[in-house]
Every structure is written in structure tokens, then in C-alpha cells.
Amino acid sequence: MKTIILLTISNIFMTFAWYGHLKYRNSPLWIAIAVSWSIALVEYCFQVPANRIGSYHFSTAQLKTIQEVITLAVFVVFSLFYLKEDFKWNYLAGFLCIIAAVFFVFKKW
């Protein structure tokens, strides 16, 4: 559970680092880069421990799968509420395919 919490916090920071500047397209690019790198530094303070702790319980493929699912969940909330973008049916279809991927990665064969 600690891994998932740390990955979620990490993803919130990284989503803002990667996409938050899109709301401020009129600001100079160098400012967007500097702010994004500053946010990414904080993100790594959560990401690295999450992966280290998680490596005792999950394979790296499982860790990456967890990361991607959290990334998409955080991004959906971010794009809907921060960037005010619409959610489309094909996004849901794509996310359902990723959920299928989770099944295959975590299934004991």
C-alpha cells in the first residue's frame, strides 16, 4: 500500500510538471522548463522510494504496470478538472484495454 500511495503522489507532481504549463502557454518556454524541472525533482523524491519499496513485493513489470494505471487515473482527473478537457468514449475504451493488460501482468500463470 505504501508503494501505491508514493506512486500516486509522484504521479500528481509529474503530471503537473509535464502538462501543467499547458494552461500558461503565453509564458516563456524557459520558465515552463525551469518550473517543470523543479516539480520533477520533488516527484523523484516520491518515485525512487516507491520503486525501491515496491521492488520487495512486485516484479519490475508489475511496478511499471501499477505506475501506468496510476498515471492514467491521475491524468484523467487532471485533464478534466485542471485543463477542462472533455472525456471521450474512446479514452474509456483505451483505459479498459489497459485494465486488461493489468490482468495479464498480475495473473499467476
PDB file of N, CA and C in Angstrom:
ATOM      1  N   MET A   1       0.823  -1.198   0.000  1.00  0.00           N
ATOM      2  CA  MET A   1       0.000   0.000   0.000  1.00  0.00           C
ATOM      3  C   MET A   1       0.869   1.266   0.000  1.00  0.00           C
ATOM      4  N   LYS A   2       1.996   1.207   0.708  1.00  0.00           N
ATOM      5  CA  LYS A   2       2.896   2.359   0.752  1.00  0.00           C
ATOM      6  C   LYS A   2       3.403   2.699  -0.652  1.00  0.00           C
ATOM      7  N   THR A   3       3.698   1.660  -1.429  1.00  0.00           N
ATOM      8  CA  THR A   3       4.170   1.876  -2.805  1.00  0.00           C
ATOM      9  C   THR A   3       3.124   2.607  -3.625  1.00  0.00           C
ATOM     10  N   ILE A   4       1.881   2.194  -3.519  1.00  0.00           N
ATOM     11  CA  ILE A   4       0.811   2.807  -4.307  1.00  0.00           C
ATOM     12  C   ILE A   4       0.589   4.259  -3.892  1.00  0.00           C
ATOM     13  N   ILE A   5       0.652   4.526  -2.608  1.00  0.00           N
ATOM     14  CA  ILE A   5       0.492   5.916  -2.131  1.00  0.00           C
ATOM     15  C   ILE A   5       1.631   6.787  -2.657  1.00  0.00           C
ATOM     16  N   LEU A   6       2.862   6.302  -2.540  1.00  0.00           N
ATOM     17  CA  LEU A   6       4.009   7.075  -3.027  1.00  0.00           C
ATOM     18  C   LEU A   6       3.946   7.274  -4.542  1.00  0.00           C
ATOM     19  N   LEU A   7       3.543   6.245  -5.266  1.00  0.00           N
ATOM     20  CA  LEU A   7       3.420   6.383  -6.724  1.00  0.00           C
ATOM     21  C   LEU A   7       2.325   7.374  -7.104  1.00  0.00           C
ATOM     22  N   THR A   8       1.257   7.387  -6.342  1.00  0.00           N
ATOM     23  CA  THR A   8       0.174   8.344  -6.625  1.00  0.00           C
ATOM     24  C   THR A   8       0.649   9.778  -6.406  1.00  0.00           C
ATOM     25  N   ILE A   9       1.316  10.010  -5.288  1.00  0.00           N
ATOM     26  CA  ILE A   9       1.853  11.355  -5.017  1.00  0.00           C
ATOM     27  C   ILE A   9       2.852  11.740  -6.105  1.00  0.00           C
ATOM     28  N   SER A  10       3.725  10.810  -6.449  1.00  0.00           N
ATOM     29  CA  SER A  10       4.709  11.040  -7.509  1.00  0.00           C
ATOM     30  C   SER A  10       4.027  11.432  -8.817  1.00  0.00           C
ATOM     31  N   ASN A  11       2.984  10.706  -9.167  1.00  0.00           N
ATOM     32  CA  ASN A  11       2.292  10.976 -10.427  1.00  0.00           C
ATOM     33  C   ASN A  11       1.567  12.307 -10.433  1.00  0.00           C
ATOM     34  N   ILE A  12       1.056  12.711  -9.315  1.00  0.00           N
ATOM     35  CA  ILE A  12       0.413  14.028  -9.247  1.00  0.00           C
ATOM     36  C   ILE A  12       1.441  15.114  -9.567  1.00  0.00           C
ATOM     37  N   PHE A  13       2.608  15.021  -8.930  1.00  0.00           N
ATOM     38  CA  PHE A  13       3.662  16.003  -9.213  1.00  0.00           C
ATOM     39  C   PHE A  13       4.110  15.938 -10.671  1.00  0.00           C
ATOM     40  N   MET A  14       4.307  14.716 -11.188  1.00  0.00           N
ATOM     41  CA  MET A  14       4.822  14.599 -12.545  1.00  0.00           C
ATOM     42  C   MET A  14       3.812  15.070 -13.575  1.00  0.00           C
ATOM     43  N   THR A  15       2.544  14.837 -13.328  1.00  0.00           N
ATOM     44  CA  THR A  15       1.526  15.315 -14.265  1.00  0.00           C
ATOM     45  C   THR A  15       1.556  16.836 -14.347  1.00  0.00           C
ATOM     46  N   PHE A  16       1.706  17.488 -13.206  1.00  0.00           N
ATOM     47  CA  PHE A  16       1.820  18.947 -13.224  1.00  0.00           C
ATOM     48  C   PHE A  16       3.122  19.387 -13.902  1.00  0.00           C
ATOM     49  N   ALA A  17       4.204  18.651 -13.683  1.00  0.00           N
ATOM     50  CA  ALA A  17       5.480  19.000 -14.316  1.00  0.00           C
ATOM     51  C   ALA A  17       5.383  18.885 -15.833  1.00  0.00           C
ATOM     52  N   TRP A  18       4.750  17.832 -16.318  1.00  0.00           N
ATOM     53  CA  TRP A  18       4.689  17.594 -17.755  1.00  0.00           C
ATOM     54  C   TRP A  18       3.616  18.404 -18.459  1.00  0.00           C
ATOM     55  N   TYR A  19       2.463  18.598 -17.811  1.00  0.00           N
ATOM     56  CA  TYR A  19       1.318  19.185 -18.512  1.00  0.00           C
ATOM     57  C   TYR A  19       0.781  20.476 -17.897  1.00  0.00           C
ATOM     58  N   GLY A  20       1.164  20.802 -16.698  1.00  0.00           N
ATOM     59  CA  GLY A  20       0.631  21.987 -16.024  1.00  0.00           C
ATOM     60  C   GLY A  20       0.901  23.279 -16.769  1.00  0.00           C
ATOM     61  N   HIS A  21       2.040  23.357 -17.426  1.00  0.00           N
ATOM     62  CA  HIS A  21       2.411  24.582 -18.157  1.00  0.00           C
ATOM     63  C   HIS A  21       1.525  24.832 -19.377  1.00  0.00           C
ATOM     64  N   LEU A  22       0.784  23.801 -19.821  1.00  0.00           N
ATOM     65  CA  LEU A  22      -0.078  23.994 -20.991  1.00  0.00           C
ATOM     66  C   LEU A  22      -1.198  24.993 -20.728  1.00  0.00           C
ATOM     67  N   LYS A  23      -1.504  25.206 -19.466  1.00  0.00           N
ATOM     68  CA  LYS A  23      -2.517  26.196 -19.108  1.00  0.00           C
ATOM     69  C   LYS A  23      -1.955  27.623 -19.227  1.00  0.00           C
ATOM     70  N   TYR A  24      -0.637  27.729 -19.304  1.00  0.00           N
ATOM     71  CA  TYR A  24       0.033  29.038 -19.354  1.00  0.00           C
ATOM     72  C   TYR A  24       0.919  29.118 -20.596  1.00  0.00           C
ATOM     73  N   ARG A  25       0.335  28.939 -21.743  1.00  0.00           N
ATOM     74  CA  ARG A  25       1.094  28.885 -22.996  1.00  0.00           C
ATOM     75  C   ARG A  25       1.733  30.222 -23.370  1.00  0.00           C
ATOM     76  N   ASN A  26       1.293  31.303 -22.771  1.00  0.00           N
ATOM     77  CA  ASN A  26       1.858  32.613 -23.094  1.00  0.00           C
ATOM     78  C   ASN A  26       3.133  32.913 -22.321  1.00  0.00           C
ATOM     79  N   SER A  27       3.421  32.117 -21.292  1.00  0.00           N
ATOM     80  CA  SER A  27       4.658  32.365 -20.547  1.00  0.00           C
ATOM     81  C   SER A  27       5.846  31.827 -21.352  1.00  0.00           C
ATOM     82  N   PRO A  28       7.021  32.389 -21.138  1.00  0.00           N
ATOM     83  CA  PRO A  28       8.200  31.945 -21.893  1.00  0.00           C
ATOM     84  C   PRO A  28       8.500  30.458 -21.652  1.00  0.00           C
ATOM     85  N   LEU A  29       8.989  29.815 -22.682  1.00  0.00           N
ATOM     86  CA  LEU A  29       9.277  28.386 -22.599  1.00  0.00           C
ATOM     87  C   LEU A  29      10.317  28.077 -21.524  1.00  0.00           C
ATOM     88  N   TRP A  30      11.325  28.927 -21.362  1.00  0.00           N
ATOM     89  CA  TRP A  30      12.366  28.656 -20.378  1.00  0.00           C
ATOM     90  C   TRP A  30      11.800  28.640 -18.966  1.00  0.00           C
ATOM     91  N   ILE A  31      10.767  29.442 -18.714  1.00  0.00           N
ATOM     92  CA  ILE A  31      10.123  29.423 -17.394  1.00  0.00           C
ATOM     93  C   ILE A  31       9.376  28.104 -17.206  1.00  0.00           C
ATOM     94  N   ALA A  32       8.685  27.669 -18.243  1.00  0.00           N
ATOM     95  CA  ALA A  32       7.972  26.386 -18.165  1.00  0.00           C
ATOM     96  C   ALA A  32       8.954  25.249 -17.888  1.00  0.00           C
ATOM     97  N   ILE A  33      10.101  25.284 -18.551  1.00  0.00           N
ATOM     98  CA  ILE A  33      11.108  24.236 -18.345  1.00  0.00           C
ATOM     99  C   ILE A  33      11.654  24.284 -16.919  1.00  0.00           C
ATOM    100  N   ALA A  34      11.991  25.469 -16.441  1.00  0.00           N
ATOM    101  CA  ALA A  34      12.548  25.604 -15.085  1.00  0.00           C
ATOM    102  C   ALA A  34      11.543  25.160 -14.020  1.00  0.00           C
ATOM    103  N   VAL A  35      10.305  25.572 -14.174  1.00  0.00           N
ATOM    104  CA  VAL A  35       9.271  25.178 -13.205  1.00  0.00           C
ATOM    105  C   VAL A  35       9.032  23.674 -13.284  1.00  0.00           C
ATOM    106  N   SER A  36       8.969  23.140 -14.488  1.00  0.00           N
ATOM    107  CA  SER A  36       8.740  21.700 -14.662  1.00  0.00           C
ATOM    108  C   SER A  36       9.862  20.877 -14.035  1.00  0.00           C
ATOM    109  N   TRP A  37      11.093  21.282 -14.240  1.00  0.00           N
ATOM    110  CA  TRP A  37      12.215  20.561 -13.637  1.00  0.00           C
ATOM    111  C   TRP A  37      12.187  20.662 -12.114  1.00  0.00           C
ATOM    112  N   SER A  38      11.772  21.781 -11.587  1.00  0.00           N
ATOM    113  CA  SER A  38      11.662  21.930 -10.132  1.00  0.00           C
ATOM    114  C   SER A  38      10.608  20.984  -9.558  1.00  0.00           C
ATOM    115  N   ILE A  39       9.490  20.887 -10.252  1.00  0.00           N
ATOM    116  CA  ILE A  39       8.430  19.980  -9.813  1.00  0.00           C
ATOM    117  C   ILE A  39       8.891  18.528  -9.957  1.00  0.00           C
ATOM    118  N   ALA A  40       9.601  18.224 -11.038  1.00  0.00           N
ATOM    119  CA  ALA A  40      10.078  16.857 -11.276  1.00  0.00           C
ATOM    120  C   ALA A  40      11.066  16.414 -10.199  1.00  0.00           C
ATOM    121  N   LEU A  41      11.852  17.339  -9.680  1.00  0.00           N
ATOM    122  CA  LEU A  41      12.774  16.995  -8.587  1.00  0.00           C
ATOM    123  C   LEU A  41      12.003  16.490  -7.377  1.00  0.00           C
ATOM    124  N   VAL A  42      10.925  17.167  -7.038  1.00  0.00           N
ATOM    125  CA  VAL A  42      10.077  16.729  -5.929  1.00  0.00           C
ATOM    126  C   VAL A  42       9.454  15.376  -6.257  1.00  0.00           C
ATOM    127  N   GLU A  43       9.036  15.209  -7.504  1.00  0.00           N
ATOM    128  CA  GLU A  43       8.433  13.947  -7.936  1.00  0.00           C
ATOM    129  C   GLU A  43       9.380  12.780  -7.710  1.00  0.00           C
ATOM    130  N   TYR A  44      10.640  12.947  -8.024  1.00  0.00           N
ATOM    131  CA  TYR A  44      11.615  11.877  -7.843  1.00  0.00           C
ATOM    132  C   TYR A  44      11.796  11.503  -6.375  1.00  0.00           C
ATOM    133  N   CYS A  45      11.568  12.432  -5.480  1.00  0.00           N
ATOM    134  CA  CYS A  45      11.671  12.128  -4.048  1.00  0.00           C
ATOM    135  C   CYS A  45      10.587  11.152  -3.596  1.00  0.00           C
ATOM    136  N   PHE A  46       9.537  11.012  -4.372  1.00  0.00           N
ATOM    137  CA  PHE A  46       8.495  10.015  -4.099  1.00  0.00           C
ATOM    138  C   PHE A  46       8.648   8.781  -4.989  1.00  0.00           C
ATOM    139  N   GLN A  47       9.043   8.996  -6.228  1.00  0.00           N
ATOM    140  CA  GLN A  47       9.149   7.905  -7.200  1.00  0.00           C
ATOM    141  C   GLN A  47      10.219   6.894  -6.821  1.00  0.00           C
ATOM    142  N   VAL A  48      11.399   7.362  -6.479  1.00  0.00           N
ATOM    143  CA  VAL A  48      12.503   6.453  -6.179  1.00  0.00           C
ATOM    144  C   VAL A  48      12.196   5.584  -4.963  1.00  0.00           C
ATOM    145  N   PRO A  49      11.737   6.157  -3.854  1.00  0.00           N
ATOM    146  CA  PRO A  49      11.374   5.285  -2.722  1.00  0.00           C
ATOM    147  C   PRO A  49      10.222   4.336  -3.050  1.00  0.00           C
ATOM    148  N   ALA A  50       9.268   4.785  -3.837  1.00  0.00           N
ATOM    149  CA  ALA A  50       8.147   3.922  -4.214  1.00  0.00           C
ATOM    150  C   ALA A  50       8.649   2.688  -4.949  1.00  0.00           C
ATOM    151  N   ASN A  51       9.534   2.889  -5.903  1.00  0.00           N
ATOM    152  CA  ASN A  51      10.066   1.755  -6.650  1.00  0.00           C
ATOM    153  C   ASN A  51      10.973   0.878  -5.791  1.00  0.00           C
ATOM    154  N   ARG A  52      11.745   1.490  -4.922  1.00  0.00           N
ATOM    155  CA  ARG A  52      12.622   0.709  -4.052  1.00  0.00           C
ATOM    156  C   ARG A  52      11.800  -0.160  -3.109  1.00  0.00           C
ATOM    157  N   ILE A  53      10.816   0.444  -2.458  1.00  0.00           N
ATOM    158  CA  ILE A  53       9.950  -0.301  -1.539  1.00  0.00           C
ATOM    159  C   ILE A  53       9.142  -1.352  -2.305  1.00  0.00           C
ATOM    160  N   GLY A  54       8.600  -0.948  -3.433  1.00  0.00           N
ATOM    161  CA  GLY A  54       7.772  -1.847  -4.217  1.00  0.00           C
ATOM    162  C   GLY A  54       8.529  -3.031  -4.788  1.00  0.00           C
ATOM    163  N   SER A  55       9.835  -2.869  -4.993  1.00  0.00           N
ATOM    164  CA  SER A  55      10.623  -3.954  -5.588  1.00  0.00           C
ATOM    165  C   SER A  55      10.718  -5.177  -4.684  1.00  0.00           C
ATOM    166  N   TYR A  56      10.397  -5.004  -3.413  1.00  0.00           N
ATOM    167  CA  TYR A  56      10.389  -6.140  -2.488  1.00  0.00           C
ATOM    168  C   TYR A  56       9.101  -6.962  -2.602  1.00  0.00           C
ATOM    169  N   HIS A  57       8.085  -6.386  -3.230  1.00  0.00           N
ATOM    170  CA  HIS A  57       6.777  -7.047  -3.307  1.00  0.00           C
ATOM    171  C   HIS A  57       6.325  -7.331  -4.729  1.00  0.00           C
ATOM    172  N   PHE A  58       6.853  -6.582  -5.699  1.00  0.00           N
ATOM    173  CA  PHE A  58       6.403  -6.688  -7.080  1.00  0.00           C
ATOM    174  C   PHE A  58       7.599  -6.870  -8.006  1.00  0.00           C
ATOM    175  N   SER A  59       7.352  -7.487  -9.155  1.00  0.00           N
ATOM    176  CA  SER A  59       8.380  -7.522 -10.199  1.00  0.00           C
ATOM    177  C   SER A  59       8.439  -6.130 -10.835  1.00  0.00           C
ATOM    178  N   THR A  60       9.480  -5.877 -11.611  1.00  0.00           N
ATOM    179  CA  THR A  60       9.562  -4.563 -12.261  1.00  0.00           C
ATOM    180  C   THR A  60       8.435  -4.375 -13.275  1.00  0.00           C
ATOM    181  N   ALA A  61       8.028  -5.448 -13.937  1.00  0.00           N
ATOM    182  CA  ALA A  61       6.894  -5.349 -14.869  1.00  0.00           C
ATOM    183  C   ALA A  61       5.613  -4.988 -14.116  1.00  0.00           C
ATOM    184  N   GLN A  62       5.427  -5.562 -12.951  1.00  0.00           N
ATOM    185  CA  GLN A  62       4.250  -5.231 -12.151  1.00  0.00           C
ATOM    186  C   GLN A  62       4.318  -3.795 -11.644  1.00  0.00           C
ATOM    187  N   LEU A  63       5.500  -3.373 -11.203  1.00  0.00           N
ATOM    188  CA  LEU A  63       5.663  -1.981 -10.751  1.00  0.00           C
ATOM    189  C   LEU A  63       5.335  -1.006 -11.878  1.00  0.00           C
ATOM    190  N   LYS A  64       5.823  -1.283 -13.065  1.00  0.00           N
ATOM    191  CA  LYS A  64       5.565  -0.389 -14.202  1.00  0.00           C
ATOM    192  C   LYS A  64       4.084  -0.380 -14.558  1.00  0.00           C
ATOM    193  N   THR A  65       3.434  -1.523 -14.462  1.00  0.00           N
ATOM    194  CA  THR A  65       2.004  -1.594 -14.745  1.00  0.00           C
ATOM    195  C   THR A  65       1.209  -0.784 -13.733  1.00  0.00           C
ATOM    196  N   ILE A  66       1.555  -0.930 -12.462  1.00  0.00           N
ATOM    197  CA  ILE A  66       0.902  -0.128 -11.418  1.00  0.00           C
ATOM    198  C   ILE A  66       1.098   1.356 -11.710  1.00  0.00           C
ATOM    199  N   GLN A  67       2.324   1.711 -12.052  1.00  0.00           N
ATOM    200  CA  GLN A  67       2.666   3.108 -12.369  1.00  0.00           C
ATOM    201  C   GLN A  67       1.796   3.639 -13.505  1.00  0.00           C
ATOM    202  N   GLU A  68       1.629   2.870 -14.558  1.00  0.00           N
ATOM    203  CA  GLU A  68       0.862   3.332 -15.706  1.00  0.00           C
ATOM    204  C   GLU A  68      -0.623   3.492 -15.385  1.00  0.00           C
ATOM    205  N   VAL A  69      -1.161   2.580 -14.607  1.00  0.00           N
ATOM    206  CA  VAL A  69      -2.575   2.695 -14.222  1.00  0.00           C
ATOM    207  C   VAL A  69      -2.784   3.941 -13.366  1.00  0.00           C
ATOM    208  N   ILE A  70      -1.893   4.162 -12.415  1.00  0.00           N
ATOM    209  CA  ILE A  70      -1.994   5.363 -11.581  1.00  0.00           C
ATOM    210  C   ILE A  70      -1.827   6.612 -12.436  1.00  0.00           C
ATOM    211  N   THR A  71      -0.873   6.589 -13.357  1.00  0.00           N
ATOM    212  CA  THR A  71      -0.645   7.729 -14.246  1.00  0.00           C
ATOM    213  C   THR A  71      -1.911   8.086 -15.010  1.00  0.00           C
ATOM    214  N   LEU A  72      -2.567   7.086 -15.563  1.00  0.00           N
ATOM    215  CA  LEU A  72      -3.794   7.353 -16.324  1.00  0.00           C
ATOM    216  C   LEU A  72      -4.910   7.877 -15.435  1.00  0.00           C
ATOM    217  N   ALA A  73      -5.054   7.309 -14.254  1.00  0.00           N
ATOM    218  CA  ALA A  73      -6.104   7.778 -13.336  1.00  0.00           C
ATOM    219  C   ALA A  73      -5.859   9.234 -12.942  1.00  0.00           C
ATOM    220  N   VAL A  74      -4.618   9.548 -12.589  1.00  0.00           N
ATOM    221  CA  VAL A  74      -4.276  10.926 -12.222  1.00  0.00           C
ATOM    222  C   VAL A  74      -4.479  11.854 -13.415  1.00  0.00           C
ATOM    223  N   PHE A  75      -4.077  11.404 -14.603  1.00  0.00           N
ATOM    224  CA  PHE A  75      -4.193  12.251 -15.783  1.00  0.00           C
ATOM    225  C   PHE A  75      -5.648  12.534 -16.142  1.00  0.00           C
ATOM    226  N   VAL A  76      -6.514  11.549 -15.988  1.00  0.00           N
ATOM    227  CA  VAL A  76      -7.936  11.787 -16.286  1.00  0.00           C
ATOM    228  C   VAL A  76      -8.476  12.898 -15.401  1.00  0.00           C
ATOM    229  N   VAL A  77      -8.210  12.805 -14.105  1.00  0.00           N
ATOM    230  CA  VAL A  77      -8.680  13.839 -13.179  1.00  0.00           C
ATOM    231  C   VAL A  77      -8.061  15.187 -13.528  1.00  0.00           C
ATOM    232  N   PHE A  78      -6.767  15.194 -13.809  1.00  0.00           N
ATOM    233  CA  PHE A  78      -6.051  16.420 -14.160  1.00  0.00           C
ATOM    234  C   PHE A  78      -6.627  17.068 -15.421  1.00  0.00           C
ATOM    235  N   SER A  79      -6.808  16.261 -16.462  1.00  0.00           N
ATOM    236  CA  SER A  79      -7.277  16.842 -17.725  1.00  0.00           C
ATOM    237  C   SER A  79      -8.720  17.325 -17.635  1.00  0.00           C
ATOM    238  N   LEU A  80      -9.534  16.634 -16.849  1.00  0.00           N
ATOM    239  CA  LEU A  80     -10.932  17.056 -16.710  1.00  0.00           C
ATOM    240  C   LEU A  80     -11.067  18.324 -15.877  1.00  0.00           C
ATOM    241  N   PHE A  81     -10.379  18.364 -14.736  1.00  0.00           N
ATOM    242  CA  PHE A  81     -10.600  19.455 -13.786  1.00  0.00           C
ATOM    243  C   PHE A  81      -9.602  20.602 -13.894  1.00  0.00           C
ATOM    244  N   TYR A  82      -8.365  20.333 -14.278  1.00  0.00           N
ATOM    245  CA  TYR A  82      -7.375  21.394 -14.364  1.00  0.00           C
ATOM    246  C   TYR A  82      -7.332  22.000 -15.774  1.00  0.00           C
ATOM    247  N   LEU A  83      -7.278  21.135 -16.783  1.00  0.00           N
ATOM    248  CA  LEU A  83      -7.218  21.631 -18.164  1.00  0.00           C
ATOM    249  C   LEU A  83      -8.596  21.814 -18.786  1.00  0.00           C
ATOM    250  N   LYS A  84      -9.637  21.342 -18.101  1.00  0.00           N
ATOM    251  CA  LYS A  84     -11.032  21.494 -18.548  1.00  0.00           C
ATOM    252  C   LYS A  84     -11.274  20.835 -19.911  1.00  0.00           C
ATOM    253  N   GLU A  85     -10.660  19.672 -20.136  1.00  0.00           N
ATOM    254  CA  GLU A  85     -10.863  18.949 -21.386  1.00  0.00           C
ATOM    255  C   GLU A  85     -12.020  17.970 -21.241  1.00  0.00           C
ATOM    256  N   ASP A  86     -12.627  17.619 -22.351  1.00  0.00           N
ATOM    257  CA  ASP A  86     -13.734  16.663 -22.347  1.00  0.00           C
ATOM    258  C   ASP A  86     -13.208  15.234 -22.287  1.00  0.00           C
ATOM    259  N   PHE A  87     -13.994  14.360 -21.662  1.00  0.00           N
ATOM    260  CA  PHE A  87     -13.684  12.936 -21.644  1.00  0.00           C
ATOM    261  C   PHE A  87     -14.483  12.269 -22.758  1.00  0.00           C
ATOM    262  N   LYS A  88     -13.821  11.506 -23.594  1.00  0.00           N
ATOM    263  CA  LYS A  88     -14.475  10.894 -24.752  1.00  0.00           C
ATOM    264  C   LYS A  88     -14.566   9.381 -24.578  1.00  0.00           C
ATOM    265  N   TRP A  89     -15.506   8.781 -25.269  1.00  0.00           N
ATOM    266  CA  TRP A  89     -15.752   7.350 -25.127  1.00  0.00           C
ATOM    267  C   TRP A  89     -14.524   6.517 -25.498  1.00  0.00           C
ATOM    268  N   ASN A  90     -13.760   6.961 -26.497  1.00  0.00           N
ATOM    269  CA  ASN A  90     -12.603   6.174 -26.917  1.00  0.00           C
ATOM    270  C   ASN A  90     -11.489   6.189 -25.872  1.00  0.00           C
ATOM    271  N   TYR A  91     -11.454   7.219 -25.010  1.00  0.00           N
ATOM    272  CA  TYR A  91     -10.500   7.214 -23.901  1.00  0.00           C
ATOM    273  C   TYR A  91     -10.852   6.078 -22.947  1.00  0.00           C
ATOM    274  N   LEU A  92     -12.127   5.949 -22.659  1.00  0.00           N
ATOM    275  CA  LEU A  92     -12.581   4.869 -21.784  1.00  0.00           C
ATOM    276  C   LEU A  92     -12.241   3.512 -22.384  1.00  0.00           C
ATOM    277  N   ALA A  93     -12.448   3.350 -23.680  1.00  0.00           N
ATOM    278  CA  ALA A  93     -12.126   2.084 -24.345  1.00  0.00           C
ATOM    279  C   ALA A  93     -10.632   1.769 -24.210  1.00  0.00           C
ATOM    280  N   GLY A  94      -9.804   2.767 -24.388  1.00  0.00           N
ATOM    281  CA  GLY A  94      -8.362   2.579 -24.234  1.00  0.00           C
ATOM    282  C   GLY A  94      -7.991   2.206 -22.817  1.00  0.00           C
ATOM    283  N   PHE A  95      -8.609   2.863 -21.843  1.00  0.00           N
ATOM    284  CA  PHE A  95      -8.324   2.557 -20.441  1.00  0.00           C
ATOM    285  C   PHE A  95      -8.758   1.140 -20.088  1.00  0.00           C
ATOM    286  N   LEU A  96      -9.857   0.688 -20.671  1.00  0.00           N
ATOM    287  CA  LEU A  96     -10.301  -0.683 -20.431  1.00  0.00           C
ATOM    288  C   LEU A  96      -9.291  -1.688 -20.991  1.00  0.00           C
ATOM    289  N   CYS A  97      -8.671  -1.353 -22.095  1.00  0.00           N
ATOM    290  CA  CYS A  97      -7.618  -2.218 -22.642  1.00  0.00           C
ATOM    291  C   CYS A  97      -6.427  -2.285 -21.685  1.00  0.00           C
ATOM    292  N   ILE A  98      -6.118  -1.171 -21.053  1.00  0.00           N
ATOM    293  CA  ILE A  98      -5.012  -1.155 -20.098  1.00  0.00           C
ATOM    294  C   ILE A  98      -5.361  -1.978 -18.866  1.00  0.00           C
ATOM    295  N   ILE A  99      -6.613  -1.939 -18.452  1.00  0.00           N
ATOM    296  CA  ILE A  99      -7.044  -2.781 -17.338  1.00  0.00           C
ATOM    297  C   ILE A  99      -6.873  -4.259 -17.705  1.00  0.00           C
ATOM    298  N   ALA A 100      -7.152  -4.592 -18.955  1.00  0.00           N
ATOM    299  CA  ALA A 100      -6.918  -5.964 -19.419  1.00  0.00           C
ATOM    300  C   ALA A 100      -5.428  -6.303 -19.315  1.00  0.00           C
ATOM    301  N   ALA A 101      -4.571  -5.353 -19.624  1.00  0.00           N
ATOM    302  CA  ALA A 101      -3.129  -5.566 -19.503  1.00  0.00           C
ATOM    303  C   ALA A 101      -2.752  -5.856 -18.057  1.00  0.00           C
ATOM    304  N   VAL A 102      -3.383  -5.150 -17.120  1.00  0.00           N
ATOM    305  CA  VAL A 102      -3.123  -5.393 -15.701  1.00  0.00           C
ATOM    306  C   VAL A 102      -3.447  -6.848 -15.356  1.00  0.00           C
ATOM    307  N   PHE A 103      -4.557  -7.332 -15.863  1.00  0.00           N
ATOM    308  CA  PHE A 103      -4.930  -8.723 -15.627  1.00  0.00           C
ATOM    309  C   PHE A 103      -3.819  -9.663 -16.066  1.00  0.00           C
ATOM    310  N   PHE A 104      -3.311  -9.463 -17.280  1.00  0.00           N
ATOM    311  CA  PHE A 104      -2.311 -10.363 -17.801  1.00  0.00           C
ATOM    312  C   PHE A 104      -0.968 -10.261 -17.058  1.00  0.00           C
ATOM    313  N   VAL A 105      -0.611  -9.072 -16.624  1.00  0.00           N
ATOM    314  CA  VAL A 105       0.655  -8.902 -15.919  1.00  0.00           C
ATOM    315  C   VAL A 105       0.607  -9.511 -14.520  1.00  0.00           C
ATOM    316  N   PHE A 106      -0.533  -9.392 -13.850  1.00  0.00           N
ATOM    317  CA  PHE A 106      -0.632  -9.859 -12.469  1.00  0.00           C
ATOM    318  C   PHE A 106      -1.165 -11.287 -12.317  1.00  0.00           C
ATOM    319  N   LYS A 107      -1.683 -11.875 -13.365  1.00  0.00           N
ATOM    320  CA  LYS A 107      -2.230 -13.227 -13.306  1.00  0.00           C
ATOM    321  C   LYS A 107      -1.097 -14.224 -13.076  1.00  0.00           C
ATOM    322  N   LYS A 108      -1.308 -15.139 -12.148  1.00  0.00           N
ATOM    323  CA  LYS A 108      -0.334 -16.211 -11.908  1.00  0.00           C
ATOM    324  C   LYS A 108      -0.603 -17.308 -12.937  1.00  0.00           C
ATOM    325  N   TRP A 109       0.296 -17.474 -13.876  1.00  0.00           N
ATOM    326  CA  TRP A 109       0.100 -18.450 -14.946  1.00  0.00           C
ATOM    327  C   TRP A 109       0.767 -19.748 -14.603  1.00  0.00           C
TER     328      TRP A 109
END
